[in-house]
Each structure stands twice: as structure tokens, then as C-alpha cells.
Amino acid sequence: MESPFKGKTGLRRLINAFGYSMEGLSAAYKNEDALRQELRLALILIPLAAYLGHSGMERAVMIACVFLVIIVELLNSSVEATVDRISLDHHLLAKRAKDIGSSAVLLSLLNLIVVWSLVLLPF
């Protein structure tokens, strides 16, 4: 059964979806310290990738890794908000969900380090 809130189609749906996305980015920026830190890092790393990458492919991969960190952080923040919405009580499954989301962020950061190292360091 589909959600009763779904109803817009075509261009109106795209416009609404863009607006919801902007609201989500704004809420995450206002409420998530880690996202703000990662966006500051992105402001440094993206121009650096454009400068240091020797080819379009290198630049694209380096920038994609930066965006991946931000994307994973947004997903982690949404999991954390959902868990907190359900209950603020300490619960093993809530802790597990938050820890798994945090580990996804960690892996995306490690991925960024590995990819940038492989692109920039002579092996």
C-alpha cells in the first residue's frame, strides 16, 4: 500500500523533492556538528583535488570520495534522528543502529584517505 502523502507527479514532484532536499541539508547543517566539520573539509579538499589531480579521472575519483563522506554522514544523521525519535532510552538495538551508522562514516573517511593516497603518493 502506498503512502497517502504521495500524490504529486511530474515536474511538481521534482520541484517538491528539490525543496525537501534543501530542507534536509539545512536541518543537517544546523543540527549536526560532524556534517559541518566534513563540509569545511570538503571546501578545502575539492579545490585541492581539482589542483592536484593529474587527469579528469583522478580529480573525479578524489572529489567523489569527498562527496561520499558527506552522503554517508547524512544517512548516519537520519538513522540517529529516527532512533532518537523512537526513544531516548538506552537500548541495545538503538546503540547498535547508531554504532553501525558511525562505522559507515568511518569507513567512508578511510576510503577517502586510501584513494587520495593511491592517487597522490608515488608507489
N, C-alpha and C. Protein backbone atom coordinates (compact mmCIF):
# COMPACT_ATOMS: atom_id res chain seq x y z
N MET A 1 0.84 -1.18 0.00
CA MET A 1 0.00 0.00 0.00
C MET A 1 0.89 1.24 0.00
N GLU A 2 0.61 2.17 -0.87
CA GLU A 2 1.39 3.40 -0.99
C GLU A 2 0.99 4.40 0.08
N SER A 3 1.92 5.26 0.39
CA SER A 3 1.67 6.32 1.37
C SER A 3 0.58 7.26 0.85
N PRO A 4 -0.32 7.68 1.72
CA PRO A 4 -1.36 8.63 1.28
C PRO A 4 -0.78 10.02 1.00
N PHE A 5 0.47 10.24 1.41
CA PHE A 5 1.11 11.53 1.19
C PHE A 5 1.72 11.65 -0.20
N LYS A 6 1.81 10.52 -0.89
CA LYS A 6 2.31 10.56 -2.27
C LYS A 6 1.16 10.97 -3.17
N GLY A 7 1.42 11.89 -4.05
CA GLY A 7 0.34 12.30 -4.93
C GLY A 7 0.82 13.19 -6.05
N LYS A 8 1.91 13.84 -5.84
CA LYS A 8 2.43 14.72 -6.86
C LYS A 8 3.20 13.90 -7.89
N THR A 9 3.10 14.30 -9.14
CA THR A 9 3.84 13.61 -10.20
C THR A 9 4.46 14.66 -11.11
N GLY A 10 5.33 14.19 -11.97
CA GLY A 10 5.91 15.05 -12.99
C GLY A 10 6.78 16.15 -12.42
N LEU A 11 6.70 17.31 -13.03
CA LEU A 11 7.54 18.45 -12.66
C LEU A 11 7.27 18.90 -11.23
N ARG A 12 6.02 18.89 -10.78
CA ARG A 12 5.67 19.30 -9.42
C ARG A 12 6.38 18.40 -8.41
N ARG A 13 6.44 17.12 -8.67
CA ARG A 13 7.13 16.19 -7.77
C ARG A 13 8.61 16.53 -7.69
N LEU A 14 9.22 16.83 -8.84
CA LEU A 14 10.64 17.18 -8.85
C LEU A 14 10.91 18.46 -8.07
N ILE A 15 10.05 19.44 -8.25
CA ILE A 15 10.21 20.70 -7.53
C ILE A 15 10.06 20.47 -6.03
N ASN A 16 9.04 19.71 -5.64
CA ASN A 16 8.85 19.41 -4.22
C ASN A 16 10.03 18.63 -3.66
N ALA A 17 10.52 17.65 -4.40
CA ALA A 17 11.64 16.83 -3.93
C ALA A 17 12.88 17.68 -3.73
N PHE A 18 13.12 18.62 -4.65
CA PHE A 18 14.26 19.52 -4.50
C PHE A 18 14.12 20.36 -3.23
N GLY A 19 12.94 20.86 -2.99
CA GLY A 19 12.69 21.66 -1.79
C GLY A 19 12.90 20.84 -0.52
N TYR A 20 12.41 19.59 -0.51
CA TYR A 20 12.61 18.73 0.66
C TYR A 20 14.10 18.44 0.87
N SER A 21 14.81 18.26 -0.22
CA SER A 21 16.25 18.01 -0.13
C SER A 21 16.97 19.20 0.47
N MET A 22 16.61 20.40 0.05
CA MET A 22 17.23 21.61 0.59
C MET A 22 16.89 21.78 2.07
N GLU A 23 15.66 21.45 2.46
CA GLU A 23 15.27 21.49 3.87
C GLU A 23 16.09 20.49 4.69
N GLY A 24 16.32 19.31 4.11
CA GLY A 24 17.12 18.30 4.80
C GLY A 24 18.56 18.74 4.98
N LEU A 25 19.15 19.30 3.92
CA LEU A 25 20.52 19.81 4.03
C LEU A 25 20.62 20.92 5.08
N SER A 26 19.64 21.80 5.08
CA SER A 26 19.64 22.90 6.04
C SER A 26 19.51 22.38 7.47
N ALA A 27 18.61 21.43 7.68
CA ALA A 27 18.43 20.86 9.02
C ALA A 27 19.68 20.14 9.48
N ALA A 28 20.29 19.39 8.59
CA ALA A 28 21.52 18.67 8.94
C ALA A 28 22.63 19.65 9.26
N TYR A 29 22.75 20.71 8.48
CA TYR A 29 23.80 21.71 8.72
C TYR A 29 23.60 22.38 10.09
N LYS A 30 22.36 22.71 10.41
CA LYS A 30 22.08 23.39 11.67
C LYS A 30 22.27 22.48 12.88
N ASN A 31 22.01 21.18 12.73
CA ASN A 31 21.94 20.30 13.89
C ASN A 31 23.08 19.30 14.02
N GLU A 32 23.90 19.13 13.01
CA GLU A 32 24.92 18.08 13.03
C GLU A 32 26.33 18.68 12.94
N ASP A 33 27.03 18.64 14.08
CA ASP A 33 28.40 19.17 14.12
C ASP A 33 29.32 18.44 13.15
N ALA A 34 29.19 17.12 13.09
CA ALA A 34 30.08 16.33 12.22
C ALA A 34 29.90 16.73 10.75
N LEU A 35 28.67 16.98 10.34
CA LEU A 35 28.44 17.39 8.95
C LEU A 35 29.10 18.74 8.68
N ARG A 36 28.98 19.67 9.61
CA ARG A 36 29.62 20.97 9.42
C ARG A 36 31.13 20.82 9.29
N GLN A 37 31.72 19.95 10.09
CA GLN A 37 33.16 19.70 10.00
C GLN A 37 33.52 19.11 8.65
N GLU A 38 32.73 18.15 8.20
CA GLU A 38 33.02 17.50 6.92
C GLU A 38 32.80 18.44 5.74
N LEU A 39 31.85 19.35 5.85
CA LEU A 39 31.66 20.35 4.79
C LEU A 39 32.83 21.32 4.75
N ARG A 40 33.36 21.70 5.92
CA ARG A 40 34.55 22.55 5.94
C ARG A 40 35.72 21.84 5.28
N LEU A 41 35.86 20.55 5.59
CA LEU A 41 36.91 19.74 4.98
C LEU A 41 36.72 19.68 3.46
N ALA A 42 35.47 19.54 3.03
CA ALA A 42 35.17 19.48 1.59
C ALA A 42 35.54 20.78 0.89
N LEU A 43 35.34 21.91 1.57
CA LEU A 43 35.71 23.21 0.99
C LEU A 43 37.20 23.30 0.73
N ILE A 44 37.98 22.56 1.48
CA ILE A 44 39.43 22.52 1.27
C ILE A 44 39.79 21.44 0.25
N LEU A 45 39.22 20.25 0.42
CA LEU A 45 39.64 19.10 -0.39
C LEU A 45 39.18 19.17 -1.85
N ILE A 46 38.01 19.70 -2.12
CA ILE A 46 37.52 19.71 -3.50
C ILE A 46 38.40 20.60 -4.39
N PRO A 47 38.70 21.83 -3.99
CA PRO A 47 39.63 22.61 -4.83
C PRO A 47 41.02 21.97 -4.88
N LEU A 48 41.45 21.36 -3.78
CA LEU A 48 42.75 20.69 -3.77
C LEU A 48 42.76 19.53 -4.75
N ALA A 49 41.68 18.77 -4.82
CA ALA A 49 41.58 17.67 -5.77
C ALA A 49 41.64 18.18 -7.20
N ALA A 50 40.95 19.29 -7.44
CA ALA A 50 40.97 19.87 -8.79
C ALA A 50 42.38 20.31 -9.17
N TYR A 51 43.15 20.75 -8.20
CA TYR A 51 44.51 21.22 -8.46
C TYR A 51 45.51 20.06 -8.55
N LEU A 52 45.39 19.09 -7.65
CA LEU A 52 46.39 18.03 -7.55
C LEU A 52 46.16 16.86 -8.50
N GLY A 53 44.92 16.63 -8.90
CA GLY A 53 44.65 15.52 -9.81
C GLY A 53 45.29 15.76 -11.17
N HIS A 54 45.94 14.73 -11.69
CA HIS A 54 46.63 14.87 -12.97
C HIS A 54 45.71 14.67 -14.17
N SER A 55 44.64 13.98 -13.97
CA SER A 55 43.70 13.72 -15.06
C SER A 55 42.29 13.98 -14.56
N GLY A 56 41.37 14.05 -15.50
CA GLY A 56 39.97 14.21 -15.13
C GLY A 56 39.48 13.06 -14.26
N MET A 57 39.95 11.86 -14.56
CA MET A 57 39.53 10.70 -13.78
C MET A 57 40.03 10.79 -12.34
N GLU A 58 41.27 11.19 -12.16
CA GLU A 58 41.81 11.33 -10.80
C GLU A 58 41.03 12.37 -10.02
N ARG A 59 40.78 13.52 -10.65
CA ARG A 59 40.03 14.57 -9.98
C ARG A 59 38.62 14.10 -9.63
N ALA A 60 37.99 13.40 -10.56
CA ALA A 60 36.63 12.92 -10.32
C ALA A 60 36.57 11.93 -9.16
N VAL A 61 37.51 11.01 -9.12
CA VAL A 61 37.52 10.00 -8.06
C VAL A 61 37.80 10.65 -6.71
N MET A 62 38.74 11.58 -6.68
CA MET A 62 39.06 12.26 -5.42
C MET A 62 37.87 13.07 -4.91
N ILE A 63 37.20 13.78 -5.80
CA ILE A 63 36.04 14.58 -5.40
C ILE A 63 34.88 13.67 -5.01
N ALA A 64 34.70 12.57 -5.73
CA ALA A 64 33.62 11.62 -5.39
C ALA A 64 33.80 11.06 -3.98
N CYS A 65 35.04 10.82 -3.59
CA CYS A 65 35.29 10.32 -2.23
C CYS A 65 34.90 11.35 -1.18
N VAL A 66 35.10 12.61 -1.47
CA VAL A 66 34.70 13.68 -0.54
C VAL A 66 33.18 13.70 -0.42
N PHE A 67 32.50 13.65 -1.57
CA PHE A 67 31.03 13.63 -1.54
C PHE A 67 30.49 12.38 -0.85
N LEU A 68 31.17 11.26 -1.00
CA LEU A 68 30.73 10.03 -0.35
C LEU A 68 30.71 10.19 1.17
N VAL A 69 31.72 10.84 1.73
CA VAL A 69 31.76 11.08 3.17
C VAL A 69 30.53 11.89 3.60
N ILE A 70 30.22 12.93 2.85
CA ILE A 70 29.07 13.77 3.18
C ILE A 70 27.76 12.99 3.07
N ILE A 71 27.64 12.20 2.02
CA ILE A 71 26.43 11.39 1.82
C ILE A 71 26.24 10.40 2.96
N VAL A 72 27.30 9.71 3.33
CA VAL A 72 27.21 8.72 4.41
C VAL A 72 26.89 9.42 5.73
N GLU A 73 27.47 10.59 5.95
CA GLU A 73 27.16 11.35 7.17
C GLU A 73 25.69 11.74 7.22
N LEU A 74 25.13 12.16 6.08
CA LEU A 74 23.71 12.50 6.04
C LEU A 74 22.84 11.27 6.36
N LEU A 75 23.20 10.12 5.80
CA LEU A 75 22.44 8.90 6.10
C LEU A 75 22.58 8.51 7.56
N ASN A 76 23.78 8.63 8.11
CA ASN A 76 24.00 8.33 9.52
C ASN A 76 23.17 9.27 10.40
N SER A 77 23.15 10.54 10.05
CA SER A 77 22.37 11.51 10.84
C SER A 77 20.88 11.18 10.79
N SER A 78 20.41 10.72 9.64
CA SER A 78 18.99 10.37 9.54
C SER A 78 18.66 9.13 10.38
N VAL A 79 19.57 8.17 10.42
CA VAL A 79 19.37 7.00 11.27
C VAL A 79 19.34 7.43 12.74
N GLU A 80 20.29 8.27 13.13
CA GLU A 80 20.34 8.73 14.52
C GLU A 80 19.08 9.50 14.90
N ALA A 81 18.60 10.37 14.02
CA ALA A 81 17.38 11.13 14.30
C ALA A 81 16.17 10.20 14.43
N THR A 82 16.10 9.20 13.57
CA THR A 82 14.99 8.25 13.63
C THR A 82 15.02 7.45 14.93
N VAL A 83 16.20 6.98 15.31
CA VAL A 83 16.34 6.22 16.56
C VAL A 83 15.95 7.10 17.74
N ASP A 84 16.42 8.35 17.75
CA ASP A 84 16.09 9.26 18.85
C ASP A 84 14.60 9.60 18.87
N ARG A 85 13.97 9.64 17.71
CA ARG A 85 12.53 9.91 17.63
C ARG A 85 11.74 8.79 18.26
N ILE A 86 12.22 7.56 18.08
CA ILE A 86 11.51 6.42 18.63
C ILE A 86 11.62 6.40 20.15
N SER A 87 12.84 6.62 20.66
CA SER A 87 13.04 6.62 22.10
C SER A 87 14.42 7.15 22.43
N LEU A 88 14.51 7.90 23.52
CA LEU A 88 15.80 8.37 24.01
C LEU A 88 16.36 7.43 25.08
N ASP A 89 15.60 6.38 25.40
CA ASP A 89 16.07 5.39 26.37
C ASP A 89 17.25 4.63 25.80
N HIS A 90 18.15 4.22 26.70
CA HIS A 90 19.27 3.38 26.27
C HIS A 90 18.73 2.00 25.91
N HIS A 91 19.03 1.57 24.70
CA HIS A 91 18.56 0.27 24.23
C HIS A 91 19.65 -0.32 23.35
N LEU A 92 19.86 -1.62 23.47
CA LEU A 92 20.92 -2.29 22.73
C LEU A 92 20.77 -2.12 21.22
N LEU A 93 19.55 -2.25 20.71
CA LEU A 93 19.35 -2.11 19.26
C LEU A 93 19.55 -0.67 18.79
N ALA A 94 19.15 0.30 19.62
CA ALA A 94 19.37 1.70 19.27
C ALA A 94 20.87 1.99 19.21
N LYS A 95 21.59 1.48 20.19
CA LYS A 95 23.05 1.66 20.20
C LYS A 95 23.67 0.99 18.98
N ARG A 96 23.21 -0.21 18.67
CA ARG A 96 23.75 -0.92 17.51
C ARG A 96 23.52 -0.13 16.22
N ALA A 97 22.30 0.39 16.05
CA ALA A 97 21.99 1.16 14.84
C ALA A 97 22.89 2.38 14.73
N LYS A 98 23.06 3.10 15.83
CA LYS A 98 23.91 4.30 15.81
C LYS A 98 25.38 3.93 15.59
N ASP A 99 25.84 2.86 16.22
CA ASP A 99 27.23 2.44 16.04
C ASP A 99 27.51 1.99 14.61
N ILE A 100 26.56 1.29 14.02
CA ILE A 100 26.74 0.84 12.63
C ILE A 100 26.79 2.05 11.70
N GLY A 101 25.93 3.03 11.91
CA GLY A 101 25.98 4.25 11.11
C GLY A 101 27.30 4.97 11.27
N SER A 102 27.78 5.03 12.49
CA SER A 102 29.07 5.67 12.75
C SER A 102 30.21 4.93 12.06
N SER A 103 30.13 3.62 12.06
CA SER A 103 31.18 2.84 11.39
C SER A 103 31.15 3.06 9.88
N ALA A 104 29.98 3.30 9.31
CA ALA A 104 29.89 3.61 7.88
C ALA A 104 30.59 4.93 7.57
N VAL A 105 30.42 5.91 8.45
CA VAL A 105 31.12 7.19 8.27
C VAL A 105 32.62 6.97 8.35
N LEU A 106 33.05 6.20 9.34
CA LEU A 106 34.48 5.91 9.50
C LEU A 106 35.05 5.25 8.24
N LEU A 107 34.34 4.27 7.72
CA LEU A 107 34.82 3.58 6.51
C LEU A 107 34.87 4.52 5.31
N SER A 108 33.91 5.44 5.21
CA SER A 108 33.96 6.39 4.09
C SER A 108 35.16 7.33 4.23
N LEU A 109 35.51 7.70 5.47
CA LEU A 109 36.69 8.54 5.68
C LEU A 109 37.98 7.76 5.38
N LEU A 110 38.02 6.49 5.78
CA LEU A 110 39.19 5.67 5.46
C LEU A 110 39.31 5.48 3.95
N ASN A 111 38.18 5.30 3.28
CA ASN A 111 38.17 5.20 1.82
C ASN A 111 38.76 6.46 1.20
N LEU A 112 38.37 7.62 1.71
CA LEU A 112 38.91 8.88 1.20
C LEU A 112 40.43 8.91 1.35
N ILE A 113 40.93 8.52 2.52
CA ILE A 113 42.37 8.53 2.77
C ILE A 113 43.10 7.57 1.83
N VAL A 114 42.57 6.37 1.67
CA VAL A 114 43.21 5.38 0.81
C VAL A 114 43.23 5.84 -0.64
N VAL A 115 42.10 6.31 -1.14
CA VAL A 115 42.03 6.73 -2.55
C VAL A 115 42.94 7.93 -2.80
N TRP A 116 42.89 8.92 -1.94
CA TRP A 116 43.76 10.08 -2.12
C TRP A 116 45.23 9.66 -2.05
N SER A 117 45.56 8.76 -1.14
CA SER A 117 46.95 8.29 -1.05
C SER A 117 47.37 7.57 -2.32
N LEU A 118 46.52 6.73 -2.85
CA LEU A 118 46.86 6.00 -4.07
C LEU A 118 47.01 6.94 -5.26
N VAL A 119 46.23 8.00 -5.30
CA VAL A 119 46.31 8.94 -6.41
C VAL A 119 47.55 9.84 -6.27
N LEU A 120 47.84 10.27 -5.06
CA LEU A 120 48.86 11.31 -4.88
C LEU A 120 50.27 10.80 -4.54
N LEU A 121 50.34 9.65 -3.90
CA LEU A 121 51.66 9.18 -3.48
C LEU A 121 52.28 8.26 -4.52
N PRO A 122 53.55 8.44 -4.79
CA PRO A 122 54.22 7.55 -5.76
C PRO A 122 54.50 6.20 -5.12
N PHE A 123 53.93 5.17 -5.67
CA PHE A 123 54.17 3.80 -5.16
C PHE A 123 54.99 3.02 -6.15
